PDB file of all heavy atoms in Angstrom:
ATOM      1  N   ILE A   1     -31.719 110.779-156.910  1.00  0.00           N
ATOM      2  CA  ILE A   1     -31.802 111.205-158.306  1.00  0.00           C
ATOM      3  C   ILE A   1     -31.000 112.479-158.581  1.00  0.00           C
ATOM      4  O   ILE A   1     -30.405 112.636-159.594  1.00  0.00           O
ATOM      5  CB  ILE A   1     -33.347 111.261-158.808  1.00  0.00           C
ATOM      6  CG1 ILE A   1     -33.981 110.030-158.834  1.00  0.00           C
ATOM      7  CG2 ILE A   1     -33.492 112.066-160.162  1.00  0.00           C
ATOM      8  CD1 ILE A   1     -35.439 110.037-158.853  1.00  0.00           C
ATOM      9  N   ASP A   2     -31.089 113.441-157.625  1.00  0.00           N
ATOM     10  CA  ASP A   2     -30.209 114.547-157.659  1.00  0.00           C
ATOM     11  C   ASP A   2     -28.668 114.225-157.786  1.00  0.00           C
ATOM     12  O   ASP A   2     -28.041 114.782-158.636  1.00  0.00           O
ATOM     13  CB  ASP A   2     -30.504 115.448-156.478  1.00  0.00           C
ATOM     14  CG  ASP A   2     -29.709 116.884-156.597  1.00  0.00           C
ATOM     15  OD1 ASP A   2     -30.106 117.644-157.308  1.00  0.00           O
ATOM     16  OD2 ASP A   2     -28.843 117.008-155.582  1.00  0.00           O
ATOM     17  N   LEU A   3     -28.280 113.218-157.028  1.00  0.00           N
ATOM     18  CA  LEU A   3     -26.855 112.938-156.987  1.00  0.00           C
ATOM     19  C   LEU A   3     -26.486 112.153-158.181  1.00  0.00           C
ATOM     20  O   LEU A   3     -25.299 112.157-158.657  1.00  0.00           O
ATOM     21  CB  LEU A   3     -26.654 111.926-155.930  1.00  0.00           C
ATOM     22  CG  LEU A   3     -26.621 112.643-154.456  1.00  0.00           C
ATOM     23  CD1 LEU A   3     -26.846 111.521-153.430  1.00  0.00           C
ATOM     24  CD2 LEU A   3     -25.429 113.405-154.083  1.00  0.00           C
ATOM     25  N   MET A   4     -27.364 111.476-158.867  1.00  0.00           N
ATOM     26  CA  MET A   4     -27.046 110.496-160.072  1.00  0.00           C
ATOM     27  C   MET A   4     -27.612 110.973-161.407  1.00  0.00           C
ATOM     28  O   MET A   4     -27.108 110.605-162.368  1.00  0.00           O
ATOM     29  CB  MET A   4     -27.552 109.177-159.751  1.00  0.00           C
ATOM     30  CG  MET A   4     -26.916 108.472-158.495  1.00  0.00           C
ATOM     31  SD  MET A   4     -27.506 106.812-158.360  1.00  0.00           S
ATOM     32  CE  MET A   4     -26.557 106.106-159.790  1.00  0.00           C
ATOM     33  N   ALA A   5     -28.377 112.128-161.442  1.00  0.00           N
ATOM     34  CA  ALA A   5     -29.039 112.498-162.700  1.00  0.00           C
ATOM     35  C   ALA A   5     -28.974 114.099-162.912  1.00  0.00           C
ATOM     36  O   ALA A   5     -28.855 114.425-163.970  1.00  0.00           O
ATOM     37  CB  ALA A   5     -30.494 111.971-162.855  1.00  0.00           C
ATOM     38  N   VAL A   6     -29.280 114.747-161.758  1.00  0.00           N
ATOM     39  CA  VAL A   6     -29.341 116.289-161.905  1.00  0.00           C
ATOM     40  C   VAL A   6     -28.101 116.961-161.694  1.00  0.00           C
ATOM     41  O   VAL A   6     -27.659 117.679-162.581  1.00  0.00           O
ATOM     42  CB  VAL A   6     -30.399 116.645-160.782  1.00  0.00           C
ATOM     43  CG1 VAL A   6     -30.569 118.247-160.934  1.00  0.00           C
ATOM     44  CG2 VAL A   6     -31.898 115.968-161.108  1.00  0.00           C
ATOM     45  N   ARG A   7     -27.391 116.747-160.635  1.00  0.00           N
ATOM     46  CA  ARG A   7     -26.224 117.479-160.266  1.00  0.00           C
ATOM     47  C   ARG A   7     -25.080 117.168-161.277  1.00  0.00           C
ATOM     48  O   ARG A   7     -24.377 118.046-161.687  1.00  0.00           O
ATOM     49  CB  ARG A   7     -25.793 117.245-159.008  1.00  0.00           C
ATOM     50  CG  ARG A   7     -26.440 117.908-157.796  1.00  0.00           C
ATOM     51  CD  ARG A   7     -26.236 119.491-157.827  1.00  0.00           C
ATOM     52  NE  ARG A   7     -24.867 119.938-157.394  1.00  0.00           N
ATOM     53  CZ  ARG A   7     -24.123 120.895-157.861  1.00  0.00           C
ATOM     54  NH1 ARG A   7     -24.558 121.578-158.856  1.00  0.00           N
ATOM     55  NH2 ARG A   7     -22.962 121.181-157.355  1.00  0.00           N
ATOM     56  N   PRO A   8     -24.877 115.903-161.741  1.00  0.00           N
ATOM     57  CA  PRO A   8     -23.872 115.683-162.816  1.00  0.00           C
ATOM     58  C   PRO A   8     -24.112 116.613-164.019  1.00  0.00           C
ATOM     59  O   PRO A   8     -23.110 117.106-164.674  1.00  0.00           O
ATOM     60  CB  PRO A   8     -24.077 114.252-163.154  1.00  0.00           C
ATOM     61  CG  PRO A   8     -24.748 113.625-161.906  1.00  0.00           C
ATOM     62  CD  PRO A   8     -25.540 114.556-161.424  1.00  0.00           C
ATOM     63  N   ARG A   9     -25.388 116.708-164.433  1.00  0.00           N
ATOM     64  CA  ARG A   9     -25.633 117.504-165.615  1.00  0.00           C
ATOM     65  C   ARG A   9     -25.338 119.112-165.374  1.00  0.00           C
ATOM     66  O   ARG A   9     -24.778 119.732-166.196  1.00  0.00           O
ATOM     67  CB  ARG A   9     -27.123 117.508-166.014  1.00  0.00           C
ATOM     68  CG  ARG A   9     -27.481 116.122-166.673  1.00  0.00           C
ATOM     69  CD  ARG A   9     -29.026 116.132-167.121  1.00  0.00           C
ATOM     70  NE  ARG A   9     -29.304 115.124-168.050  1.00  0.00           N
ATOM     71  CZ  ARG A   9     -29.683 113.893-167.668  1.00  0.00           C
ATOM     72  NH1 ARG A   9     -29.729 113.636-166.290  1.00  0.00           N
ATOM     73  NH2 ARG A   9     -29.872 113.009-168.556  1.00  0.00           N
ATOM     74  N   GLU A  10     -25.692 119.498-164.091  1.00  0.00           N
ATOM     75  CA  GLU A  10     -25.434 120.940-163.736  1.00  0.00           C
ATOM     76  C   GLU A  10     -23.879 121.161-163.730  1.00  0.00           C
ATOM     77  O   GLU A  10     -23.374 122.287-164.223  1.00  0.00           O
ATOM     78  CB  GLU A  10     -26.079 121.248-162.395  1.00  0.00           C
ATOM     79  CG  GLU A  10     -27.455 121.210-162.269  1.00  0.00           C
ATOM     80  CD  GLU A  10     -28.130 121.412-161.001  1.00  0.00           C
ATOM     81  OE1 GLU A  10     -27.392 121.180-160.032  1.00  0.00           O
ATOM     82  OE2 GLU A  10     -29.340 121.545-160.903  1.00  0.00           O
ATOM     83  N   ILE A  11     -23.150 120.362-163.165  1.00  0.00           N
ATOM     84  CA  ILE A  11     -21.664 120.598-162.987  1.00  0.00           C
ATOM     85  C   ILE A  11     -21.023 120.512-164.299  1.00  0.00           C
ATOM     86  O   ILE A  11     -20.086 121.433-164.632  1.00  0.00           O
ATOM     87  CB  ILE A  11     -21.138 119.520-162.058  1.00  0.00           C
ATOM     88  CG1 ILE A  11     -21.540 119.750-160.595  1.00  0.00           C
ATOM     89  CG2 ILE A  11     -19.556 119.527-162.036  1.00  0.00           C
ATOM     90  CD1 ILE A  11     -21.269 118.602-159.681  1.00  0.00           C
ATOM     91  N   PHE A  12     -21.278 119.570-165.226  1.00  0.00           N
ATOM     92  CA  PHE A  12     -20.657 119.376-166.461  1.00  0.00           C
ATOM     93  C   PHE A  12     -21.389 120.016-167.742  1.00  0.00           C
ATOM     94  O   PHE A  12     -20.982 119.768-168.923  1.00  0.00           O
ATOM     95  CB  PHE A  12     -20.250 117.885-166.671  1.00  0.00           C
ATOM     96  CG  PHE A  12     -19.177 117.600-165.744  1.00  0.00           C
ATOM     97  CD1 PHE A  12     -19.511 116.864-164.554  1.00  0.00           C
ATOM     98  CD2 PHE A  12     -17.848 117.680-166.232  1.00  0.00           C
ATOM     99  CE1 PHE A  12     -18.531 116.505-163.687  1.00  0.00           C
ATOM    100  CE2 PHE A  12     -16.824 117.282-165.350  1.00  0.00           C
ATOM    101  CZ  PHE A  12     -17.149 116.713-164.029  1.00  0.00           C
ATOM    102  N   GLY A  13     -22.417 120.714-167.445  1.00  0.00           N
ATOM    103  CA  GLY A  13     -23.102 121.347-168.508  1.00  0.00           C
ATOM    104  C   GLY A  13     -23.836 120.450-169.587  1.00  0.00           C
ATOM    105  O   GLY A  13     -23.881 120.695-170.819  1.00  0.00           O
ATOM    106  N   ILE A  14     -24.414 119.279-169.091  1.00  0.00           N
ATOM    107  CA  ILE A  14     -25.061 118.359-170.010  1.00  0.00           C
ATOM    108  C   ILE A  14     -26.511 118.630-169.915  1.00  0.00           C
ATOM    109  O   ILE A  14     -27.157 118.714-168.825  1.00  0.00           O
ATOM    110  CB  ILE A  14     -24.708 116.858-169.465  1.00  0.00           C
ATOM    111  CG1 ILE A  14     -23.246 116.578-169.544  1.00  0.00           C
ATOM    112  CG2 ILE A  14     -25.570 115.872-170.221  1.00  0.00           C
ATOM    113  CD1 ILE A  14     -22.840 115.386-168.822  1.00  0.00           C
ATOM    114  N   GLU A  15     -27.239 118.720-171.073  1.00  0.00           N
ATOM    115  CA  GLU A  15     -28.673 119.106-171.199  1.00  0.00           C
ATOM    116  C   GLU A  15     -29.506 118.021-170.421  1.00  0.00           C
ATOM    117  O   GLU A  15     -29.221 116.874-170.462  1.00  0.00           O
ATOM    118  CB  GLU A  15     -28.958 119.147-172.667  1.00  0.00           C
ATOM    119  CG  GLU A  15     -30.164 119.949-172.961  1.00  0.00           C
ATOM    120  CD  GLU A  15     -30.547 120.032-174.405  1.00  0.00           C
ATOM    121  OE1 GLU A  15     -29.830 119.436-175.266  1.00  0.00           O
ATOM    122  OE2 GLU A  15     -31.461 120.890-174.762  1.00  0.00           O
ATOM    123  N   GLY A  16     -30.623 118.596-170.021  1.00  0.00           N
ATOM    124  CA  GLY A  16     -31.612 117.684-169.481  1.00  0.00           C
ATOM    125  C   GLY A  16     -31.741 117.748-167.869  1.00  0.00           C
ATOM    126  O   GLY A  16     -31.403 118.776-167.310  1.00  0.00           O
ATOM    127  N   GLY A  17     -32.224 116.713-167.310  1.00  0.00           N
ATOM    128  CA  GLY A  17     -32.362 116.598-165.809  1.00  0.00           C
ATOM    129  C   GLY A  17     -33.708 117.001-165.345  1.00  0.00           C
ATOM    130  O   GLY A  17     -33.952 117.003-164.119  1.00  0.00           O
ATOM    131  N   LYS A  18     -34.764 117.313-166.244  1.00  0.00           N
ATOM    132  CA  LYS A  18     -36.163 117.711-165.828  1.00  0.00           C
ATOM    133  C   LYS A  18     -37.047 116.948-166.669  1.00  0.00           C
ATOM    134  O   LYS A  18     -36.839 116.643-167.935  1.00  0.00           O
ATOM    135  CB  LYS A  18     -36.213 119.176-165.944  1.00  0.00           C
ATOM    136  CG  LYS A  18     -35.478 120.008-165.028  1.00  0.00           C
ATOM    137  CD  LYS A  18     -35.738 121.446-165.225  1.00  0.00           C
ATOM    138  CE  LYS A  18     -34.970 122.337-164.263  1.00  0.00           C
ATOM    139  NZ  LYS A  18     -35.177 123.843-164.330  1.00  0.00           N
ATOM    140  N   ILE A  19     -38.125 116.525-166.142  1.00  0.00           N
ATOM    141  CA  ILE A  19     -39.271 115.910-166.813  1.00  0.00           C
ATOM    142  C   ILE A  19     -40.352 116.936-166.996  1.00  0.00           C
ATOM    143  O   ILE A  19     -41.228 117.100-166.210  1.00  0.00           O
ATOM    144  CB  ILE A  19     -39.844 114.631-166.080  1.00  0.00           C
ATOM    145  CG1 ILE A  19     -38.679 113.620-165.737  1.00  0.00           C
ATOM    146  CG2 ILE A  19     -40.887 113.817-166.877  1.00  0.00           C
ATOM    147  CD1 ILE A  19     -37.847 113.109-166.882  1.00  0.00           C
ATOM    148  N   GLU A  20     -40.212 117.693-168.036  1.00  0.00           N
ATOM    149  CA  GLU A  20     -41.241 118.687-168.408  1.00  0.00           C
ATOM    150  C   GLU A  20     -41.221 118.981-169.971  1.00  0.00           C
ATOM    151  O   GLU A  20     -40.226 118.650-170.566  1.00  0.00           O
ATOM    152  CB  GLU A  20     -40.912 119.979-167.629  1.00  0.00           C
ATOM    153  CG  GLU A  20     -39.591 120.543-167.881  1.00  0.00           C
ATOM    154  CD  GLU A  20     -39.296 121.847-167.023  1.00  0.00           C
ATOM    155  OE1 GLU A  20     -39.722 121.689-165.787  1.00  0.00           O
ATOM    156  OE2 GLU A  20     -38.626 122.736-167.609  1.00  0.00           O
ATOM    157  N   PRO A  21     -42.266 119.556-170.408  1.00  0.00           N
ATOM    158  CA  PRO A  21     -42.436 119.722-171.862  1.00  0.00           C
ATOM    159  C   PRO A  21     -41.230 120.536-172.451  1.00  0.00           C
ATOM    160  O   PRO A  21     -40.790 121.564-171.798  1.00  0.00           O
ATOM    161  CB  PRO A  21     -43.707 120.516-171.993  1.00  0.00           C
ATOM    162  CG  PRO A  21     -44.548 120.092-170.839  1.00  0.00           C
ATOM    163  CD  PRO A  21     -43.536 119.960-169.766  1.00  0.00           C
ATOM    164  N   GLY A  22     -40.578 120.099-173.516  1.00  0.00           N
ATOM    165  CA  GLY A  22     -39.605 120.742-174.258  1.00  0.00           C
ATOM    166  C   GLY A  22     -38.234 120.301-173.817  1.00  0.00           C
ATOM    167  O   GLY A  22     -37.189 120.621-174.550  1.00  0.00           O
ATOM    168  N   MET A  23     -38.158 119.415-172.718  1.00  0.00           N
ATOM    169  CA  MET A  23     -36.941 118.853-172.398  1.00  0.00           C
ATOM    170  C   MET A  23     -36.636 117.703-173.197  1.00  0.00           C
ATOM    171  O   MET A  23     -37.422 116.874-173.692  1.00  0.00           O
ATOM    172  CB  MET A  23     -36.856 118.559-170.890  1.00  0.00           C
ATOM    173  CG  MET A  23     -37.023 119.790-169.943  1.00  0.00           C
ATOM    174  SD  MET A  23     -35.608 120.955-170.153  1.00  0.00           S
ATOM    175  CE  MET A  23     -34.394 120.069-169.373  1.00  0.00           C
ATOM    176  N   PRO A  24     -35.194 117.416-173.441  1.00  0.00           N
ATOM    177  CA  PRO A  24     -34.915 116.091-174.171  1.00  0.00           C
ATOM    178  C   PRO A  24     -35.513 115.007-173.476  1.00  0.00           C
ATOM    179  O   PRO A  24     -35.528 114.849-172.210  1.00  0.00           O
ATOM    180  CB  PRO A  24     -33.423 116.177-174.131  1.00  0.00           C
ATOM    181  CG  PRO A  24     -33.037 117.519-173.737  1.00  0.00           C
ATOM    182  CD  PRO A  24     -34.106 118.048-172.942  1.00  0.00           C
ATOM    183  N   ALA A  25     -35.968 113.932-174.206  1.00  0.00           N
ATOM    184  CA  ALA A  25     -36.585 112.743-173.689  1.00  0.00           C
ATOM    185  C   ALA A  25     -35.489 111.772-173.381  1.00  0.00           C
ATOM    186  O   ALA A  25     -35.539 110.723-173.959  1.00  0.00           O
ATOM    187  CB  ALA A  25     -37.692 112.235-174.609  1.00  0.00           C
ATOM    188  N   ASP A  26     -34.672 112.230-172.418  1.00  0.00           N
ATOM    189  CA  ASP A  26     -33.670 111.274-171.899  1.00  0.00           C
ATOM    190  C   ASP A  26     -34.199 110.776-170.572  1.00  0.00           C
ATOM    191  O   ASP A  26     -34.020 111.523-169.514  1.00  0.00           O
ATOM    192  CB  ASP A  26     -32.263 111.939-171.751  1.00  0.00           C
ATOM    193  CG  ASP A  26     -31.768 112.517-173.026  1.00  0.00           C
ATOM    194  OD1 ASP A  26     -32.349 112.044-174.130  1.00  0.00           O
ATOM    195  OD2 ASP A  26     -30.935 113.416-173.051  1.00  0.00           O
ATOM    196  N   ILE A  27     -34.765 109.679-170.466  1.00  0.00           N
ATOM    197  CA  ILE A  27     -35.446 109.087-169.278  1.00  0.00           C
ATOM    198  C   ILE A  27     -35.197 107.589-168.935  1.00  0.00           C
ATOM    199  O   ILE A  27     -34.818 107.014-169.996  1.00  0.00           O
ATOM    200  CB  ILE A  27     -37.030 109.483-169.363  1.00  0.00           C
ATOM    201  CG1 ILE A  27     -37.528 108.585-170.538  1.00  0.00           C
ATOM    202  CG2 ILE A  27     -37.227 110.809-169.547  1.00  0.00           C
ATOM    203  CD1 ILE A  27     -39.039 108.632-170.469  1.00  0.00           C
ATOM    204  N   CYS A  28     -35.447 107.247-167.827  1.00  0.00           N
ATOM    205  CA  CYS A  28     -35.528 105.848-167.470  1.00  0.00           C
ATOM    206  C   CYS A  28     -36.748 105.607-166.657  1.00  0.00           C
ATOM    207  O   CYS A  28     -37.319 106.473-165.878  1.00  0.00           O
ATOM    208  CB  CYS A  28     -34.199 105.340-166.807  1.00  0.00           C
ATOM    209  SG  CYS A  28     -33.965 106.254-165.224  1.00  0.00           S
ATOM    210  N   VAL A  29     -37.213 104.345-166.604  1.00  0.00           N
ATOM    211  CA  VAL A  29     -38.338 103.882-165.716  1.00  0.00           C
ATOM    212  C   VAL A  29     -37.884 102.780-164.912  1.00  0.00           C
ATOM    213  O   VAL A  29     -37.519 101.667-165.495  1.00  0.00           O
ATOM    214  CB  VAL A  29     -39.557 103.420-166.648  1.00  0.00           C
ATOM    215  CG1 VAL A  29     -40.639 103.108-165.765  1.00  0.00           C
ATOM    216  CG2 VAL A  29     -39.932 104.680-167.529  1.00  0.00           C
ATOM    217  N   TYR A  30     -37.847 102.927-163.610  1.00  0.00           N
ATOM    218  CA  TYR A  30     -37.508 101.797-162.671  1.00  0.00           C
ATOM    219  C   TYR A  30     -38.710 101.214-162.011  1.00  0.00           C
ATOM    220  O   TYR A  30     -39.462 101.926-161.462  1.00  0.00           O
ATOM    221  CB  TYR A  30     -36.465 102.328-161.706  1.00  0.00           C
ATOM    222  CG  TYR A  30     -34.970 102.089-161.932  1.00  0.00           C
ATOM    223  CD1 TYR A  30     -34.222 102.913-162.729  1.00  0.00           C
ATOM    224  CD2 TYR A  30     -34.461 101.000-161.360  1.00  0.00           C
ATOM    225  CE1 TYR A  30     -32.948 102.610-163.119  1.00  0.00           C
ATOM    226  CE2 TYR A  30     -33.019 100.720-161.671  1.00  0.00           C
ATOM    227  CZ  TYR A  30     -32.214 101.538-162.540  1.00  0.00           C
ATOM    228  OH  TYR A  30     -30.913 101.311-162.708  1.00  0.00           O
ATOM    229  N   ASP A  31     -38.546  99.841-161.809  1.00  0.00           N
ATOM    230  CA  ASP A  31     -39.489  99.300-160.989  1.00  0.00           C
ATOM    231  C   ASP A  31     -38.764  98.989-159.536  1.00  0.00           C
ATOM    232  O   ASP A  31     -37.874  98.222-159.505  1.00  0.00           O
ATOM    233  CB  ASP A  31     -39.817  97.701-161.414  1.00  0.00           C
ATOM    234  CG  ASP A  31     -40.848  96.966-160.571  1.00  0.00           C
ATOM    235  OD1 ASP A  31     -40.987  97.466-159.432  1.00  0.00           O
ATOM    236  OD2 ASP A  31     -41.363  96.068-161.026  1.00  0.00           O
ATOM    237  N   LEU A  32     -39.169  99.837-158.581  1.00  0.00           N
ATOM    238  CA  LEU A  32     -38.402  99.873-157.372  1.00  0.00           C
ATOM    239  C   LEU A  32     -38.734  98.768-156.485  1.00  0.00           C
ATOM    240  O   LEU A  32     -37.952  98.424-155.513  1.00  0.00           O
ATOM    241  CB  LEU A  32     -38.647 101.251-156.698  1.00  0.00           C
ATOM    242  CG  LEU A  32     -38.242 102.472-157.352  1.00  0.00           C
ATOM    243  CD1 LEU A  32     -38.555 103.768-156.477  1.00  0.00           C
ATOM    244  CD2 LEU A  32     -36.775 102.521-157.792  1.00  0.00           C
ATOM    245  N   ASN A  33     -39.754  98.059-156.739  1.00  0.00           N
ATOM    246  CA  ASN A  33     -40.072  96.686-155.869  1.00  0.00           C
ATOM    247  C   ASN A  33     -39.404  95.428-156.400  1.00  0.00           C
ATOM    248  O   ASN A  33     -39.549  94.476-155.772  1.00  0.00           O
ATOM    249  CB  ASN A  33     -41.695  96.663-155.826  1.00  0.00           C
ATOM    250  CG  ASN A  33     -42.280  97.701-154.819  1.00  0.00           C
ATOM    251  OD1 ASN A  33     -41.516  98.360-154.101  1.00  0.00           O
ATOM    252  ND2 ASN A  33     -43.525  97.788-155.021  1.00  0.00           N
ATOM    253  N   LYS A  34     -38.755  95.580-157.586  1.00  0.00           N
ATOM    254  CA  LYS A  34     -38.329  94.273-158.195  1.00  0.00           C
ATOM    255  C   LYS A  34     -36.951  93.940-157.460  1.00  0.00           C
ATOM    256  O   LYS A  34     -36.047  94.698-157.442  1.00  0.00           O
ATOM    257  CB  LYS A  34     -37.996  94.674-159.645  1.00  0.00           C
ATOM    258  CG  LYS A  34     -37.578  93.434-160.436  1.00  0.00           C
ATOM    259  CD  LYS A  34     -38.428  92.342-160.636  1.00  0.00           C
ATOM    260  CE  LYS A  34     -37.869  91.276-161.438  1.00  0.00           C
ATOM    261  NZ  LYS A  34     -38.921  90.106-161.663  1.00  0.00           N
ATOM    262  N   LYS A  35     -37.048  92.800-156.947  1.00  0.00           N
ATOM    263  CA  LYS A  35     -35.945  92.223-156.184  1.00  0.00           C
ATOM    264  C   LYS A  35     -35.149  91.351-157.033  1.00  0.00           C
ATOM    265  O   LYS A  35     -35.763  90.443-157.831  1.00  0.00           O
ATOM    266  CB  LYS A  35     -36.463  91.555-154.889  1.00  0.00           C
ATOM    267  CG  LYS A  35     -35.364  91.045-153.880  1.00  0.00           C
ATOM    268  CD  LYS A  35     -36.054  90.591-152.598  1.00  0.00           C
ATOM    269  CE  LYS A  35     -34.982  90.160-151.620  1.00  0.00           C
ATOM    270  NZ  LYS A  35     -35.512  89.586-150.325  1.00  0.00           N
ATOM    271  N   PHE A  36     -33.751  91.349-156.955  1.00  0.00           N
ATOM    272  CA  PHE A  36     -33.024  90.397-157.651  1.00  0.00           C
ATOM    273  C   PHE A  36     -31.689  90.141-156.905  1.00  0.00           C
ATOM    274  O   PHE A  36     -31.276  90.822-156.007  1.00  0.00           O
ATOM    275  CB  PHE A  36     -32.757  90.919-159.087  1.00  0.00           C
ATOM    276  CG  PHE A  36     -31.830  92.131-159.073  1.00  0.00           C
ATOM    277  CD1 PHE A  36     -30.491  92.042-159.485  1.00  0.00           C
ATOM    278  CD2 PHE A  36     -32.293  93.411-158.901  1.00  0.00           C
ATOM    279  CE1 PHE A  36     -29.670  93.213-159.514  1.00  0.00           C
ATOM    280  CE2 PHE A  36     -31.522  94.563-158.818  1.00  0.00           C
ATOM    281  CZ  PHE A  36     -30.200  94.403-159.181  1.00  0.00           C
ATOM    282  N   THR A  37     -31.014  89.147-157.338  1.00  0.00           N
ATOM    283  CA  THR A  37     -29.628  88.901-156.814  1.00  0.00           C
ATOM    284  C   THR A  37     -28.580  89.150-157.852  1.00  0.00           C
ATOM    285  O   THR A  37     -28.633  88.791-159.050  1.00  0.00           O
ATOM    286  CB  THR A  37     -29.507  87.379-156.489  1.00  0.00           C
ATOM    287  OG1 THR A  37     -30.531  87.027-155.503  1.00  0.00           O
ATOM    288  CG2 THR A  37     -28.303  87.079-155.895  1.00  0.00           C
ATOM    289  N   VAL A  38     -27.594  89.927-157.528  1.00  0.00           N
ATOM    290  CA  VAL A  38     -26.526  90.318-158.420  1.00  0.00           C
ATOM    291  C   VAL A  38     -25.764  88.985-158.925  1.00  0.00           C
ATOM    292  O   VAL A  38     -25.264  88.258-158.043  1.00  0.00           O
ATOM    293  CB  VAL A  38     -25.572  91.215-157.774  1.00  0.00           C
ATOM    294  CG1 VAL A  38     -24.391  91.586-158.807  1.00  0.00           C
ATOM    295  CG2 VAL A  38     -26.199  92.591-157.324  1.00  0.00           C
ATOM    296  N   ASP A  39     -25.720  88.891-160.259  1.00  0.00           N
ATOM    297  CA  ASP A  39     -24.961  87.723-160.841  1.00  0.00           C
ATOM    298  C   ASP A  39     -24.215  88.488-161.955  1.00  0.00           C
ATOM    299  O   ASP A  39     -24.612  88.627-163.026  1.00  0.00           O
ATOM    300  CB  ASP A  39     -25.971  86.798-161.347  1.00  0.00           C
ATOM    301  CG  ASP A  39     -25.288  85.637-162.053  1.00  0.00           C
ATOM    302  OD1 ASP A  39     -24.015  85.538-162.140  1.00  0.00           O
ATOM    303  OD2 ASP A  39     -25.942  84.677-162.559  1.00  0.00           O
ATOM    304  N   SER A  40     -22.870  88.580-161.549  1.00  0.00           N
ATOM    305  CA  SER A  40     -22.059  89.251-162.586  1.00  0.00           C
ATOM    306  C   SER A  40     -21.839  88.480-163.889  1.00  0.00           C
ATOM    307  O   SER A  40     -21.392  89.156-164.895  1.00  0.00           O
ATOM    308  CB  SER A  40     -20.602  89.414-161.878  1.00  0.00           C
ATOM    309  OG  SER A  40     -20.004  88.179-161.654  1.00  0.00           O
ATOM    310  N   ASN A  41     -22.064  87.166-163.958  1.00  0.00           N
ATOM    311  CA  ASN A  41     -22.053  86.522-165.171  1.00  0.00           C
ATOM    312  C   ASN A  41     -23.076  86.939-166.117  1.00  0.00           C
ATOM    313  O   ASN A  41     -23.076  86.550-167.334  1.00  0.00           O
ATOM    314  CB  ASN A  41     -22.230  84.931-164.908  1.00  0.00           C
ATOM    315  CG  ASN A  41     -20.990  84.374-164.253  1.00  0.00           C
ATOM    316  OD1 ASN A  41     -19.877  84.672-164.431  1.00  0.00           O
ATOM    317  ND2 ASN A  41     -21.284  83.538-163.246  1.00  0.00           N
ATOM    318  N   ARG A  42     -24.084  87.634-165.677  1.00  0.00           N
ATOM    319  CA  ARG A  42     -25.185  88.114-166.529  1.00  0.00           C
ATOM    320  C   ARG A  42     -24.974  89.687-166.943  1.00  0.00           C
ATOM    321  O   ARG A  42     -25.887  90.153-167.694  1.00  0.00           O
ATOM    322  CB  ARG A  42     -26.571  87.954-165.857  1.00  0.00           C
ATOM    323  CG  ARG A  42     -26.797  86.583-165.486  1.00  0.00           C
ATOM    324  CD  ARG A  42     -28.205  86.317-164.874  1.00  0.00           C
ATOM    325  NE  ARG A  42     -29.308  86.545-165.767  1.00  0.00           N
ATOM    326  CZ  ARG A  42     -30.564  86.583-165.461  1.00  0.00           C
ATOM    327  NH1 ARG A  42     -30.956  86.196-164.267  1.00  0.00           N
ATOM    328  NH2 ARG A  42     -31.455  86.763-166.337  1.00  0.00           N
ATOM    329  N   PHE A  43     -23.927  90.161-166.509  1.00  0.00           N
ATOM    330  CA  PHE A  43     -23.528  91.555-166.848  1.00  0.00           C
ATOM    331  C   PHE A  43     -23.392  91.704-168.430  1.00  0.00           C
ATOM    332  O   PHE A  43     -22.924  90.816-169.079  1.00  0.00           O
ATOM    333  CB  PHE A  43     -22.268  92.083-166.242  1.00  0.00           C
ATOM    334  CG  PHE A  43     -22.461  92.450-164.689  1.00  0.00           C
ATOM    335  CD1 PHE A  43     -21.251  92.785-164.133  1.00  0.00           C
ATOM    336  CD2 PHE A  43     -23.667  92.388-164.062  1.00  0.00           C
ATOM    337  CE1 PHE A  43     -21.246  93.004-162.737  1.00  0.00           C
ATOM    338  CE2 PHE A  43     -23.657  92.638-162.746  1.00  0.00           C
ATOM    339  CZ  PHE A  43     -22.631  93.092-162.162  1.00  0.00           C
TER     340      PHE A  43
END
């Protein structure tokens, strides 16, 4: 998450990167147990 969400914001001055009151509600929710097969036709 640091590599893909936090550090990019720090380097390029993009707001956000924390889940705490007052921060922009820019969030995602992942199901980490969900298994799937990559099918590029469904991109």
